[in-house]
């Protein structure tokens, strides 16, 4: 049995995002190539590759949401919507 948590509950220690209460997170994936419909993609800045470059690809593959490392591109807590999919920057 897969357990799910709402995106707003998952992120509540870091950001207040009640608008994401209907987005359920049951599976996280760091590799955009492995994203399947319903997966939440986590886009991190790595030592070699910046995972944020693959946000669009993950959404095309069916990611239900994206949690992205904010760093130098967005302010902490920014929520973008791309093709009706929330992208939350932390």
PDB file of N, CA and C in Angstrom:
ATOM      1  N   UNK A   1       0.836  -1.173   0.000  1.00  0.00           N
ATOM      2  CA  UNK A   1       0.000   0.000   0.000  1.00  0.00           C
ATOM      3  C   UNK A   1       0.887   1.245   0.000  1.00  0.00           C
ATOM      4  N   UNK A   2       0.633   2.122  -0.954  1.00  0.00           N
ATOM      5  CA  UNK A   2       1.384   3.360  -1.053  1.00  0.00           C
ATOM      6  C   UNK A   2       0.723   4.439  -0.209  1.00  0.00           C
ATOM      7  N   UNK A   3       1.513   5.093   0.592  1.00  0.00           N
ATOM      8  CA  UNK A   3       0.995   6.199   1.401  1.00  0.00           C
ATOM      9  C   UNK A   3       1.291   7.506   0.683  1.00  0.00           C
ATOM     10  N   UNK A   4       0.413   8.463   0.866  1.00  0.00           N
ATOM     11  CA  UNK A   4       0.590   9.770   0.240  1.00  0.00           C
ATOM     12  C   UNK A   4       0.429  10.860   1.290  1.00  0.00           C
ATOM     13  N   UNK A   5       1.072  11.979   1.024  1.00  0.00           N
ATOM     14  CA  UNK A   5       0.962  13.154   1.880  1.00  0.00           C
ATOM     15  C   UNK A   5       0.691  14.342   0.962  1.00  0.00           C
ATOM     16  N   UNK A   6      -0.088  15.277   1.428  1.00  0.00           N
ATOM     17  CA  UNK A   6      -0.351  16.454   0.601  1.00  0.00           C
ATOM     18  C   UNK A   6       0.917  17.301   0.512  1.00  0.00           C
ATOM     19  N   UNK A   7       1.068  17.962  -0.615  1.00  0.00           N
ATOM     20  CA  UNK A   7       2.250  18.794  -0.835  1.00  0.00           C
ATOM     21  C   UNK A   7       2.349  19.886   0.226  1.00  0.00           C
ATOM     22  N   UNK A   8       1.223  20.466   0.623  1.00  0.00           N
ATOM     23  CA  UNK A   8       1.293  21.528   1.636  1.00  0.00           C
ATOM     24  C   UNK A   8       1.750  20.986   2.986  1.00  0.00           C
ATOM     25  N   UNK A   9       1.344  19.765   3.338  1.00  0.00           N
ATOM     26  CA  UNK A   9       1.791  19.163   4.603  1.00  0.00           C
ATOM     27  C   UNK A   9       3.275  18.807   4.542  1.00  0.00           C
ATOM     28  N   UNK A  10       3.706  18.268   3.408  1.00  0.00           N
ATOM     29  CA  UNK A  10       5.110  17.890   3.239  1.00  0.00           C
ATOM     30  C   UNK A  10       6.029  19.103   3.379  1.00  0.00           C
ATOM     31  N   UNK A  11       5.623  20.214   2.799  1.00  0.00           N
ATOM     32  CA  UNK A  11       6.480  21.396   2.768  1.00  0.00           C
ATOM     33  C   UNK A  11       6.239  22.369   3.915  1.00  0.00           C
ATOM     34  N   UNK A  12       5.291  22.063   4.795  1.00  0.00           N
ATOM     35  CA  UNK A  12       4.906  23.002   5.854  1.00  0.00           C
ATOM     36  C   UNK A  12       6.049  23.462   6.764  1.00  0.00           C
ATOM     37  N   UNK A  13       7.087  22.650   7.017  1.00  0.00           N
ATOM     38  CA  UNK A  13       8.182  23.176   7.847  1.00  0.00           C
ATOM     39  C   UNK A  13       8.955  24.320   7.176  1.00  0.00           C
ATOM     40  N   UNK A  14       8.857  24.424   5.847  1.00  0.00           N
ATOM     41  CA  UNK A  14       9.664  25.402   5.123  1.00  0.00           C
ATOM     42  C   UNK A  14       8.866  26.518   4.469  1.00  0.00           C
ATOM     43  N   UNK A  15       7.650  26.205   4.030  1.00  0.00           N
ATOM     44  CA  UNK A  15       6.872  27.201   3.293  1.00  0.00           C
ATOM     45  C   UNK A  15       5.381  26.942   3.487  1.00  0.00           C
ATOM     46  N   UNK A  16       4.610  28.004   3.522  1.00  0.00           N
ATOM     47  CA  UNK A  16       3.161  27.906   3.664  1.00  0.00           C
ATOM     48  C   UNK A  16       2.545  27.911   2.267  1.00  0.00           C
ATOM     49  N   UNK A  17       1.975  26.795   1.863  1.00  0.00           N
ATOM     50  CA  UNK A  17       1.407  26.699   0.515  1.00  0.00           C
ATOM     51  C   UNK A  17       0.075  25.943   0.535  1.00  0.00           C
ATOM     52  N   UNK A  18      -0.947  26.495   1.209  1.00  0.00           N
ATOM     53  CA  UNK A  18      -2.236  25.804   1.302  1.00  0.00           C
ATOM     54  C   UNK A  18      -2.892  25.557  -0.050  1.00  0.00           C
ATOM     55  N   UNK A  19      -2.500  26.312  -1.065  1.00  0.00           N
ATOM     56  CA  UNK A  19      -3.069  26.104  -2.399  1.00  0.00           C
ATOM     57  C   UNK A  19      -2.668  24.755  -2.992  1.00  0.00           C
ATOM     58  N   UNK A  20      -1.681  24.098  -2.384  1.00  0.00           N
ATOM     59  CA  UNK A  20      -1.215  22.804  -2.897  1.00  0.00           C
ATOM     60  C   UNK A  20      -1.751  21.622  -2.091  1.00  0.00           C
ATOM     61  N   UNK A  21      -2.790  21.849  -1.301  1.00  0.00           N
ATOM     62  CA  UNK A  21      -3.350  20.782  -0.463  1.00  0.00           C
ATOM     63  C   UNK A  21      -3.886  19.619  -1.286  1.00  0.00           C
ATOM     64  N   UNK A  22      -4.317  19.885  -2.514  1.00  0.00           N
ATOM     65  CA  UNK A  22      -4.885  18.815  -3.342  1.00  0.00           C
ATOM     66  C   UNK A  22      -3.826  18.015  -4.098  1.00  0.00           C
ATOM     67  N   UNK A  23      -2.570  18.467  -4.068  1.00  0.00           N
ATOM     68  CA  UNK A  23      -1.488  17.743  -4.743  1.00  0.00           C
ATOM     69  C   UNK A  23      -0.947  16.695  -3.780  1.00  0.00           C
ATOM     70  N   UNK A  24      -1.083  15.435  -4.150  1.00  0.00           N
ATOM     71  CA  UNK A  24      -0.625  14.344  -3.281  1.00  0.00           C
ATOM     72  C   UNK A  24       0.736  13.836  -3.722  1.00  0.00           C
ATOM     73  N   UNK A  25       1.618  13.661  -2.749  1.00  0.00           N
ATOM     74  CA  UNK A  25       2.966  13.158  -2.996  1.00  0.00           C
ATOM     75  C   UNK A  25       3.047  11.744  -2.439  1.00  0.00           C
ATOM     76  N   UNK A  26       3.300  10.787  -3.327  1.00  0.00           N
ATOM     77  CA  UNK A  26       3.445   9.401  -2.882  1.00  0.00           C
ATOM     78  C   UNK A  26       4.783   8.813  -3.306  1.00  0.00           C
ATOM     79  N   UNK A  27       5.428   9.459  -4.281  1.00  0.00           N
ATOM     80  CA  UNK A  27       6.721   8.967  -4.753  1.00  0.00           C
ATOM     81  C   UNK A  27       7.572  10.156  -5.190  1.00  0.00           C
ATOM     82  N   UNK A  28       8.803  10.212  -4.690  1.00  0.00           N
ATOM     83  CA  UNK A  28       9.748  11.257  -5.068  1.00  0.00           C
ATOM     84  C   UNK A  28      10.793  10.665  -6.000  1.00  0.00           C
ATOM     85  N   UNK A  29      11.242  11.458  -6.973  1.00  0.00           N
ATOM     86  CA  UNK A  29      12.259  10.983  -7.909  1.00  0.00           C
ATOM     87  C   UNK A  29      13.270  12.097  -8.179  1.00  0.00           C
ATOM     88  N   UNK A  30      14.554  11.767  -8.055  1.00  0.00           N
ATOM     89  CA  UNK A  30      15.631  12.714  -8.329  1.00  0.00           C
ATOM     90  C   UNK A  30      16.097  12.667  -9.783  1.00  0.00           C
ATOM     91  N   UNK A  31      15.829  11.583 -10.473  1.00  0.00           N
ATOM     92  CA  UNK A  31      16.276  11.383 -11.852  1.00  0.00           C
ATOM     93  C   UNK A  31      15.094  11.603 -12.790  1.00  0.00           C
ATOM     94  N   UNK A  32      15.134  12.670 -13.567  1.00  0.00           N
ATOM     95  CA  UNK A  32      14.007  12.999 -14.450  1.00  0.00           C
ATOM     96  C   UNK A  32      13.725  11.895 -15.461  1.00  0.00           C
ATOM     97  N   UNK A  33      14.729  11.104 -15.802  1.00  0.00           N
ATOM     98  CA  UNK A  33      14.530  10.011 -16.767  1.00  0.00           C
ATOM     99  C   UNK A  33      13.653   8.904 -16.201  1.00  0.00           C
ATOM    100  N   UNK A  34      13.538   8.845 -14.876  1.00  0.00           N
ATOM    101  CA  UNK A  34      12.752   7.797 -14.226  1.00  0.00           C
ATOM    102  C   UNK A  34      11.367   8.268 -13.792  1.00  0.00           C
ATOM    103  N   UNK A  35      11.036   9.521 -14.078  1.00  0.00           N
ATOM    104  CA  UNK A  35       9.728  10.054 -13.689  1.00  0.00           C
ATOM    105  C   UNK A  35       8.627   9.324 -14.446  1.00  0.00           C
ATOM    106  N   UNK A  36       7.593   8.951 -13.712  1.00  0.00           N
ATOM    107  CA  UNK A  36       6.404   8.323 -14.276  1.00  0.00           C
ATOM    108  C   UNK A  36       5.207   9.172 -13.871  1.00  0.00           C
ATOM    109  N   UNK A  37       4.079   9.009 -14.561  1.00  0.00           N
ATOM    110  CA  UNK A  37       2.901   9.793 -14.192  1.00  0.00           C
ATOM    111  C   UNK A  37       2.597   9.692 -12.694  1.00  0.00           C
ATOM    112  N   UNK A  38       2.418  10.848 -12.061  1.00  0.00           N
ATOM    113  CA  UNK A  38       2.102  10.896 -10.639  1.00  0.00           C
ATOM    114  C   UNK A  38       3.295  11.049  -9.722  1.00  0.00           C
ATOM    115  N   UNK A  39       4.500  10.938 -10.268  1.00  0.00           N
ATOM    116  CA  UNK A  39       5.722  11.091  -9.479  1.00  0.00           C
ATOM    117  C   UNK A  39       5.991  12.572  -9.215  1.00  0.00           C
ATOM    118  N   UNK A  40       6.534  12.884  -8.048  1.00  0.00           N
ATOM    119  CA  UNK A  40       6.973  14.245  -7.748  1.00  0.00           C
ATOM    120  C   UNK A  40       8.477  14.308  -7.997  1.00  0.00           C
ATOM    121  N   UNK A  41       8.879  15.195  -8.897  1.00  0.00           N
ATOM    122  CA  UNK A  41      10.283  15.335  -9.262  1.00  0.00           C
ATOM    123  C   UNK A  41      10.969  16.308  -8.313  1.00  0.00           C
ATOM    124  N   UNK A  42      12.151  15.932  -7.827  1.00  0.00           N
ATOM    125  CA  UNK A  42      12.957  16.791  -6.961  1.00  0.00           C
ATOM    126  C   UNK A  42      14.173  17.234  -7.772  1.00  0.00           C
ATOM    127  N   UNK A  43      14.251  18.528  -8.060  1.00  0.00           N
ATOM    128  CA  UNK A  43      15.305  19.075  -8.914  1.00  0.00           C
ATOM    129  C   UNK A  43      16.357  19.778  -8.065  1.00  0.00           C
ATOM    130  N   UNK A  44      17.504  19.139  -7.939  1.00  0.00           N
ATOM    131  CA  UNK A  44      18.599  19.672  -7.122  1.00  0.00           C
ATOM    132  C   UNK A  44      19.774  20.086  -7.993  1.00  0.00           C
ATOM    133  N   UNK A  45      20.574  21.004  -7.477  1.00  0.00           N
ATOM    134  CA  UNK A  45      21.812  21.380  -8.135  1.00  0.00           C
ATOM    135  C   UNK A  45      22.866  20.377  -7.692  1.00  0.00           C
ATOM    136  N   UNK A  46      23.380  19.601  -8.633  1.00  0.00           N
ATOM    137  CA  UNK A  46      24.389  18.601  -8.312  1.00  0.00           C
ATOM    138  C   UNK A  46      25.788  19.116  -8.587  1.00  0.00           C
ATOM    139  N   UNK A  47      26.772  18.273  -8.334  1.00  0.00           N
ATOM    140  CA  UNK A  47      28.162  18.651  -8.580  1.00  0.00           C
ATOM    141  C   UNK A  47      28.463  18.729 -10.069  1.00  0.00           C
ATOM    142  N   UNK A  48      27.780  17.896 -10.852  1.00  0.00           N
ATOM    143  CA  UNK A  48      28.030  17.843 -12.286  1.00  0.00           C
ATOM    144  C   UNK A  48      26.857  18.408 -13.084  1.00  0.00           C
ATOM    145  N   UNK A  49      25.646  18.070 -12.689  1.00  0.00           N
ATOM    146  CA  UNK A  49      24.452  18.443 -13.450  1.00  0.00           C
ATOM    147  C   UNK A  49      23.476  19.212 -12.563  1.00  0.00           C
ATOM    148  N   UNK A  50      22.854  20.221 -13.142  1.00  0.00           N
ATOM    149  CA  UNK A  50      21.815  20.990 -12.460  1.00  0.00           C
ATOM    150  C   UNK A  50      20.470  20.365 -12.810  1.00  0.00           C
ATOM    151  N   UNK A  51      19.875  19.676 -11.848  1.00  0.00           N
ATOM    152  CA  UNK A  51      18.615  18.982 -12.075  1.00  0.00           C
ATOM    153  C   UNK A  51      17.475  19.886 -12.479  1.00  0.00           C
ATOM    154  N   UNK A  52      17.594  21.179 -12.197  1.00  0.00           N
ATOM    155  CA  UNK A  52      16.535  22.117 -12.576  1.00  0.00           C
ATOM    156  C   UNK A  52      16.404  22.237 -14.088  1.00  0.00           C
ATOM    157  N   UNK A  53      17.449  21.869 -14.827  1.00  0.00           N
ATOM    158  CA  UNK A  53      17.389  21.902 -16.290  1.00  0.00           C
ATOM    159  C   UNK A  53      16.423  20.855 -16.836  1.00  0.00           C
ATOM    160  N   UNK A  54      16.020  19.915 -15.995  1.00  0.00           N
ATOM    161  CA  UNK A  54      15.177  18.817 -16.449  1.00  0.00           C
ATOM    162  C   UNK A  54      13.739  18.921 -15.938  1.00  0.00           C
ATOM    163  N   UNK A  55      13.370  20.082 -15.405  1.00  0.00           N
ATOM    164  CA  UNK A  55      12.006  20.262 -14.901  1.00  0.00           C
ATOM    165  C   UNK A  55      10.987  20.061 -16.015  1.00  0.00           C
ATOM    166  N   UNK A  56      11.197  20.688 -17.155  1.00  0.00           N
ATOM    167  CA  UNK A  56      10.247  20.561 -18.272  1.00  0.00           C
ATOM    168  C   UNK A  56      10.124  19.110 -18.722  1.00  0.00           C
ATOM    169  N   UNK A  57      11.240  18.407 -18.781  1.00  0.00           N
ATOM    170  CA  UNK A  57      11.226  16.997 -19.183  1.00  0.00           C
ATOM    171  C   UNK A  57      10.431  16.154 -18.197  1.00  0.00           C
ATOM    172  N   UNK A  58      10.613  16.403 -16.913  1.00  0.00           N
ATOM    173  CA  UNK A  58       9.881  15.650 -15.887  1.00  0.00           C
ATOM    174  C   UNK A  58       8.382  15.913 -15.992  1.00  0.00           C
ATOM    175  N   UNK A  59       8.020  17.149 -16.259  1.00  0.00           N
ATOM    176  CA  UNK A  59       6.603  17.486 -16.411  1.00  0.00           C
ATOM    177  C   UNK A  59       6.026  16.798 -17.641  1.00  0.00           C
ATOM    178  N   UNK A  60       6.778  16.778 -18.731  1.00  0.00           N
ATOM    179  CA  UNK A  60       6.331  16.084 -19.948  1.00  0.00           C
ATOM    180  C   UNK A  60       6.102  14.599 -19.691  1.00  0.00           C
ATOM    181  N   UNK A  61       6.879  14.016 -18.782  1.00  0.00           N
ATOM    182  CA  UNK A  61       6.754  12.588 -18.477  1.00  0.00           C
ATOM    183  C   UNK A  61       5.660  12.294 -17.462  1.00  0.00           C
ATOM    184  N   UNK A  62       4.996  13.346 -16.953  1.00  0.00           N
ATOM    185  CA  UNK A  62       3.859  13.130 -16.070  1.00  0.00           C
ATOM    186  C   UNK A  62       4.054  13.471 -14.612  1.00  0.00           C
ATOM    187  N   UNK A  63       5.128  14.179 -14.274  1.00  0.00           N
ATOM    188  CA  UNK A  63       5.310  14.585 -12.874  1.00  0.00           C
ATOM    189  C   UNK A  63       4.088  15.370 -12.413  1.00  0.00           C
ATOM    190  N   UNK A  64       3.631  15.075 -11.202  1.00  0.00           N
ATOM    191  CA  UNK A  64       2.460  15.789 -10.680  1.00  0.00           C
ATOM    192  C   UNK A  64       2.844  17.087  -9.977  1.00  0.00           C
ATOM    193  N   UNK A  65       4.135  17.239  -9.666  1.00  0.00           N
ATOM    194  CA  UNK A  65       4.651  18.443  -9.021  1.00  0.00           C
ATOM    195  C   UNK A  65       6.174  18.380  -9.063  1.00  0.00           C
ATOM    196  N   UNK A  66       6.795  19.528  -8.805  1.00  0.00           N
ATOM    197  CA  UNK A  66       8.252  19.604  -8.761  1.00  0.00           C
ATOM    198  C   UNK A  66       8.649  20.384  -7.514  1.00  0.00           C
ATOM    199  N   UNK A  67       9.627  19.856  -6.799  1.00  0.00           N
ATOM    200  CA  UNK A  67      10.260  20.573  -5.695  1.00  0.00           C
ATOM    201  C   UNK A  67      11.668  20.884  -6.182  1.00  0.00           C
ATOM    202  N   UNK A  68      11.988  22.171  -6.304  1.00  0.00           N
ATOM    203  CA  UNK A  68      13.266  22.563  -6.894  1.00  0.00           C
ATOM    204  C   UNK A  68      14.095  23.376  -5.912  1.00  0.00           C
ATOM    205  N   UNK A  69      15.393  23.208  -6.013  1.00  0.00           N
ATOM    206  CA  UNK A  69      16.324  23.980  -5.198  1.00  0.00           C
ATOM    207  C   UNK A  69      16.328  25.416  -5.716  1.00  0.00           C
ATOM    208  N   UNK A  70      16.075  26.373  -4.843  1.00  0.00           N
ATOM    209  CA  UNK A  70      15.949  27.772  -5.259  1.00  0.00           C
ATOM    210  C   UNK A  70      17.300  28.381  -5.634  1.00  0.00           C
ATOM    211  N   UNK A  71      18.267  28.235  -4.756  1.00  0.00           N
ATOM    212  CA  UNK A  71      19.615  28.816  -4.950  1.00  0.00           C
ATOM    213  C   UNK A  71      19.542  30.207  -5.541  1.00  0.00           C
ATOM    214  N   UNK A  72      20.069  30.345  -6.724  1.00  0.00           N
ATOM    215  CA  UNK A  72      20.229  31.655  -7.338  1.00  0.00           C
ATOM    216  C   UNK A  72      19.167  31.981  -8.384  1.00  0.00           C
ATOM    217  N   UNK A  73      18.175  31.110  -8.592  1.00  0.00           N
ATOM    218  CA  UNK A  73      17.221  31.347  -9.676  1.00  0.00           C
ATOM    219  C   UNK A  73      15.872  31.887  -9.225  1.00  0.00           C
ATOM    220  N   UNK A  74      15.441  31.547  -8.032  1.00  0.00           N
ATOM    221  CA  UNK A  74      14.135  31.973  -7.523  1.00  0.00           C
ATOM    222  C   UNK A  74      14.244  32.243  -6.033  1.00  0.00           C
ATOM    223  N   UNK A  75      13.313  33.034  -5.534  1.00  0.00           N
ATOM    224  CA  UNK A  75      13.246  33.276  -4.094  1.00  0.00           C
ATOM    225  C   UNK A  75      12.658  32.053  -3.401  1.00  0.00           C
ATOM    226  N   UNK A  76      13.121  31.800  -2.191  1.00  0.00           N
ATOM    227  CA  UNK A  76      12.600  30.693  -1.386  1.00  0.00           C
ATOM    228  C   UNK A  76      11.084  30.830  -1.262  1.00  0.00           C
ATOM    229  N   UNK A  77      10.378  29.747  -1.532  1.00  0.00           N
ATOM    230  CA  UNK A  77       8.927  29.744  -1.403  1.00  0.00           C
ATOM    231  C   UNK A  77       8.174  30.121  -2.659  1.00  0.00           C
ATOM    232  N   UNK A  78       8.892  30.483  -3.717  1.00  0.00           N
ATOM    233  CA  UNK A  78       8.235  30.808  -4.982  1.00  0.00           C
ATOM    234  C   UNK A  78       7.537  29.573  -5.530  1.00  0.00           C
ATOM    235  N   UNK A  79       6.319  29.754  -6.013  1.00  0.00           N
ATOM    236  CA  UNK A  79       5.585  28.665  -6.655  1.00  0.00           C
ATOM    237  C   UNK A  79       5.260  29.104  -8.074  1.00  0.00           C
ATOM    238  N   UNK A  80       5.837  28.416  -9.045  1.00  0.00           N
ATOM    239  CA  UNK A  80       5.519  28.640 -10.451  1.00  0.00           C
ATOM    240  C   UNK A  80       4.558  27.550 -10.890  1.00  0.00           C
ATOM    241  N   UNK A  81       3.775  27.838 -11.897  1.00  0.00           N
ATOM    242  CA  UNK A  81       2.894  26.835 -12.485  1.00  0.00           C
ATOM    243  C   UNK A  81       3.320  26.664 -13.935  1.00  0.00           C
ATOM    244  N   UNK A  82       3.713  25.449 -14.301  1.00  0.00           N
ATOM    245  CA  UNK A  82       4.113  25.136 -15.670  1.00  0.00           C
ATOM    246  C   UNK A  82       3.192  24.035 -16.175  1.00  0.00           C
ATOM    247  N   UNK A  83       2.417  24.339 -17.204  1.00  0.00           N
ATOM    248  CA  UNK A  83       1.455  23.370 -17.750  1.00  0.00           C
ATOM    249  C   UNK A  83       0.566  22.794 -16.650  1.00  0.00           C
ATOM    250  N   UNK A  84       0.075  23.654 -15.774  1.00  0.00           N
ATOM    251  CA  UNK A  84      -0.808  23.288 -14.657  1.00  0.00           C
ATOM    252  C   UNK A  84      -0.124  22.470 -13.563  1.00  0.00           C
ATOM    253  N   UNK A  85       1.196  22.369 -13.596  1.00  0.00           N
ATOM    254  CA  UNK A  85       1.955  21.607 -12.600  1.00  0.00           C
ATOM    255  C   UNK A  85       2.698  22.585 -11.693  1.00  0.00           C
ATOM    256  N   UNK A  86       2.531  22.462 -10.365  1.00  0.00           N
ATOM    257  CA  UNK A  86       3.244  23.374  -9.463  1.00  0.00           C
ATOM    258  C   UNK A  86       4.733  23.039  -9.358  1.00  0.00           C
ATOM    259  N   UNK A  87       5.544  24.089  -9.419  1.00  0.00           N
ATOM    260  CA  UNK A  87       6.989  23.975  -9.220  1.00  0.00           C
ATOM    261  C   UNK A  87       7.306  24.852  -8.015  1.00  0.00           C
ATOM    262  N   UNK A  88       7.689  24.218  -6.904  1.00  0.00           N
ATOM    263  CA  UNK A  88       7.939  24.922  -5.651  1.00  0.00           C
ATOM    264  C   UNK A  88       9.446  25.027  -5.445  1.00  0.00           C
ATOM    265  N   UNK A  89       9.919  26.257  -5.246  1.00  0.00           N
ATOM    266  CA  UNK A  89      11.349  26.491  -5.044  1.00  0.00           C
ATOM    267  C   UNK A  89      11.646  26.667  -3.561  1.00  0.00           C
ATOM    268  N   UNK A  90      12.567  25.858  -3.051  1.00  0.00           N
ATOM    269  CA  UNK A  90      12.974  25.921  -1.644  1.00  0.00           C
ATOM    270  C   UNK A  90      14.460  26.176  -1.543  1.00  0.00           C
TER     271      UNK A  90
END
